[in-house]
Structure formats: structure tokens, C-alpha cells
Amino acid sequence: MKNWRRILHWLIILNFLAEIIYGMYMVFFVVGGSRWPLMATEVDIPIDVILRRRLYAIEAWVAIAGLSIYLGITEMIPWKFKKSNDCLSNQEND
């Protein structure tokens, strides 16, 4: 039972990472033909290209936020509870 949950956990993490990499790739390398942020060249680029880049950037940020929340719930909270329970059990033994 634990094995399929571990596989599902890693599939979710890999899915988030793939979405983050895809979003960054689309923003910096595909849309608009530029390799880095637009900076001053934004004036010469059509508005539809800028909007597409922003939408991909938002998509990447949503994936980053989702991964952060997921890892916080599945990894950090149990770790904190285990740490606090260990401290409580050590105090009781003293």
C-alpha cells in the first residue's frame, strides 16, 4: 500500500517540475524568439507575443506555488510534527 503512494507522490512532484521547466522554456526560449527577459526591447515586440509570454510565466508561477504548497503539506508538516513529538517524548523521559 505504501509503495503506490510513494510512486504517486513522486509522479505529482515530477509533474510539477515538468510544468515549471516547460513554462520557463516557453517564456525564455520559444515565445518571442528571445533568450532572456525582454527589458528595453519590449517596445519593439508585438503585444500578442508579450501577452503569450506573460501567460506562460503565470503558468510557471502557478506550478511553482503548487509544488511549494504540496511539498509543505506532504513533507514539511509531517517533519515538524515528528520533530515536536520527539522533543515531547525526550522531555517526558527526563
Protein backbone atom coordinates (compact mmCIF):
# COMPACT_ATOMS: atom_id res chain seq x y z
CA MET A 1 0.00 0.00 0.00
CA LYS A 2 2.79 2.43 0.81
CA ASN A 3 4.59 1.67 -2.44
CA TRP A 4 1.82 3.02 -4.69
CA ARG A 5 1.53 6.14 -2.53
CA ARG A 6 5.26 6.78 -2.87
CA ILE A 7 5.01 6.34 -6.67
CA LEU A 8 2.03 8.72 -6.79
CA HIS A 9 3.90 11.23 -4.62
CA TRP A 10 6.89 11.24 -6.99
CA LEU A 11 4.65 11.40 -10.08
CA ILE A 12 3.00 14.53 -8.67
CA ILE A 13 6.38 16.12 -7.93
CA LEU A 14 7.72 15.21 -11.40
CA ASN A 15 4.57 16.61 -12.99
CA PHE A 16 5.06 19.94 -11.20
CA LEU A 17 8.74 20.03 -12.18
CA ALA A 18 7.93 19.27 -15.82
CA GLU A 19 5.37 22.09 -15.86
CA ILE A 20 7.86 24.53 -14.31
CA ILE A 21 10.58 23.60 -16.83
CA TYR A 22 8.10 23.79 -19.72
CA GLY A 23 6.85 27.22 -18.61
CA MET A 24 10.36 28.61 -18.25
CA TYR A 25 11.38 27.15 -21.60
CA MET A 26 8.39 28.74 -23.33
CA VAL A 27 8.99 32.13 -21.71
CA PHE A 28 12.72 32.38 -22.28
CA PHE A 29 13.42 30.39 -25.43
CA VAL A 30 10.33 29.92 -27.63
CA VAL A 31 7.81 32.76 -27.45
CA GLY A 32 9.19 35.93 -28.97
CA GLY A 33 12.48 34.42 -30.11
CA SER A 34 14.41 35.99 -27.25
CA ARG A 35 16.68 34.09 -24.89
CA TRP A 36 16.38 36.34 -21.84
CA PRO A 37 13.93 38.84 -20.34
CA LEU A 38 12.84 41.48 -22.80
CA MET A 39 13.98 44.59 -20.86
CA ALA A 40 14.12 47.57 -23.26
CA THR A 41 13.36 45.52 -26.39
CA GLU A 42 9.78 45.13 -25.18
CA VAL A 43 8.87 48.30 -27.10
CA ASP A 44 9.58 46.64 -30.46
CA ILE A 45 7.73 43.37 -29.81
CA PRO A 46 4.03 42.96 -30.70
CA ILE A 47 1.60 42.92 -27.80
CA ASP A 48 0.36 39.38 -28.54
CA VAL A 49 3.89 37.99 -28.04
CA ILE A 50 4.25 39.85 -24.75
CA LEU A 51 0.87 38.57 -23.56
CA ARG A 52 1.74 34.98 -24.51
CA ARG A 53 5.00 35.23 -22.57
CA ARG A 54 3.14 36.61 -19.55
CA LEU A 55 0.59 33.80 -19.69
CA TYR A 56 3.34 31.18 -19.79
CA ALA A 57 5.10 32.98 -16.92
CA ILE A 58 1.88 32.92 -14.88
CA GLU A 59 1.51 29.22 -15.66
CA ALA A 60 5.05 28.58 -14.42
CA TRP A 61 4.46 30.59 -11.23
CA VAL A 62 1.23 28.67 -10.52
CA ALA A 63 3.18 25.42 -10.87
CA ILE A 64 5.92 26.73 -8.56
CA ALA A 65 3.32 27.76 -5.97
CA GLY A 66 1.55 24.41 -6.31
CA LEU A 67 4.78 22.49 -5.81
CA SER A 68 5.67 24.61 -2.78
CA ILE A 69 2.27 24.04 -1.19
CA TYR A 70 2.33 20.32 -1.98
CA LEU A 71 5.81 19.87 -0.51
CA GLY A 72 4.86 21.93 2.51
CA ILE A 73 1.84 19.75 3.21
CA THR A 74 3.40 16.38 2.45
CA GLU A 75 6.97 16.87 3.65
CA MET A 76 7.40 19.83 6.00
CA ILE A 77 4.31 19.48 8.20
CA PRO A 78 4.92 15.77 8.97
CA TRP A 79 8.60 16.54 9.62
CA LYS A 80 7.67 19.35 12.04
CA PHE A 81 5.17 17.14 13.87
CA LYS A 82 7.72 14.33 14.15
CA LYS A 83 10.32 16.77 15.44
CA SER A 84 7.95 18.23 18.04
CA ASN A 85 6.81 14.75 19.12
CA ASP A 86 10.45 13.70 19.55
CA CYS A 87 11.08 16.75 21.73
CA LEU A 88 7.99 16.00 23.84
CA SER A 89 8.98 12.37 24.32
CA ASN A 90 12.51 13.40 25.35
CA GLN A 91 11.07 15.81 27.94
CA GLU A 92 8.84 13.12 29.36
CA ASN A 93 11.78 10.75 29.73
CA ASP A 94 13.80 13.34 31.69
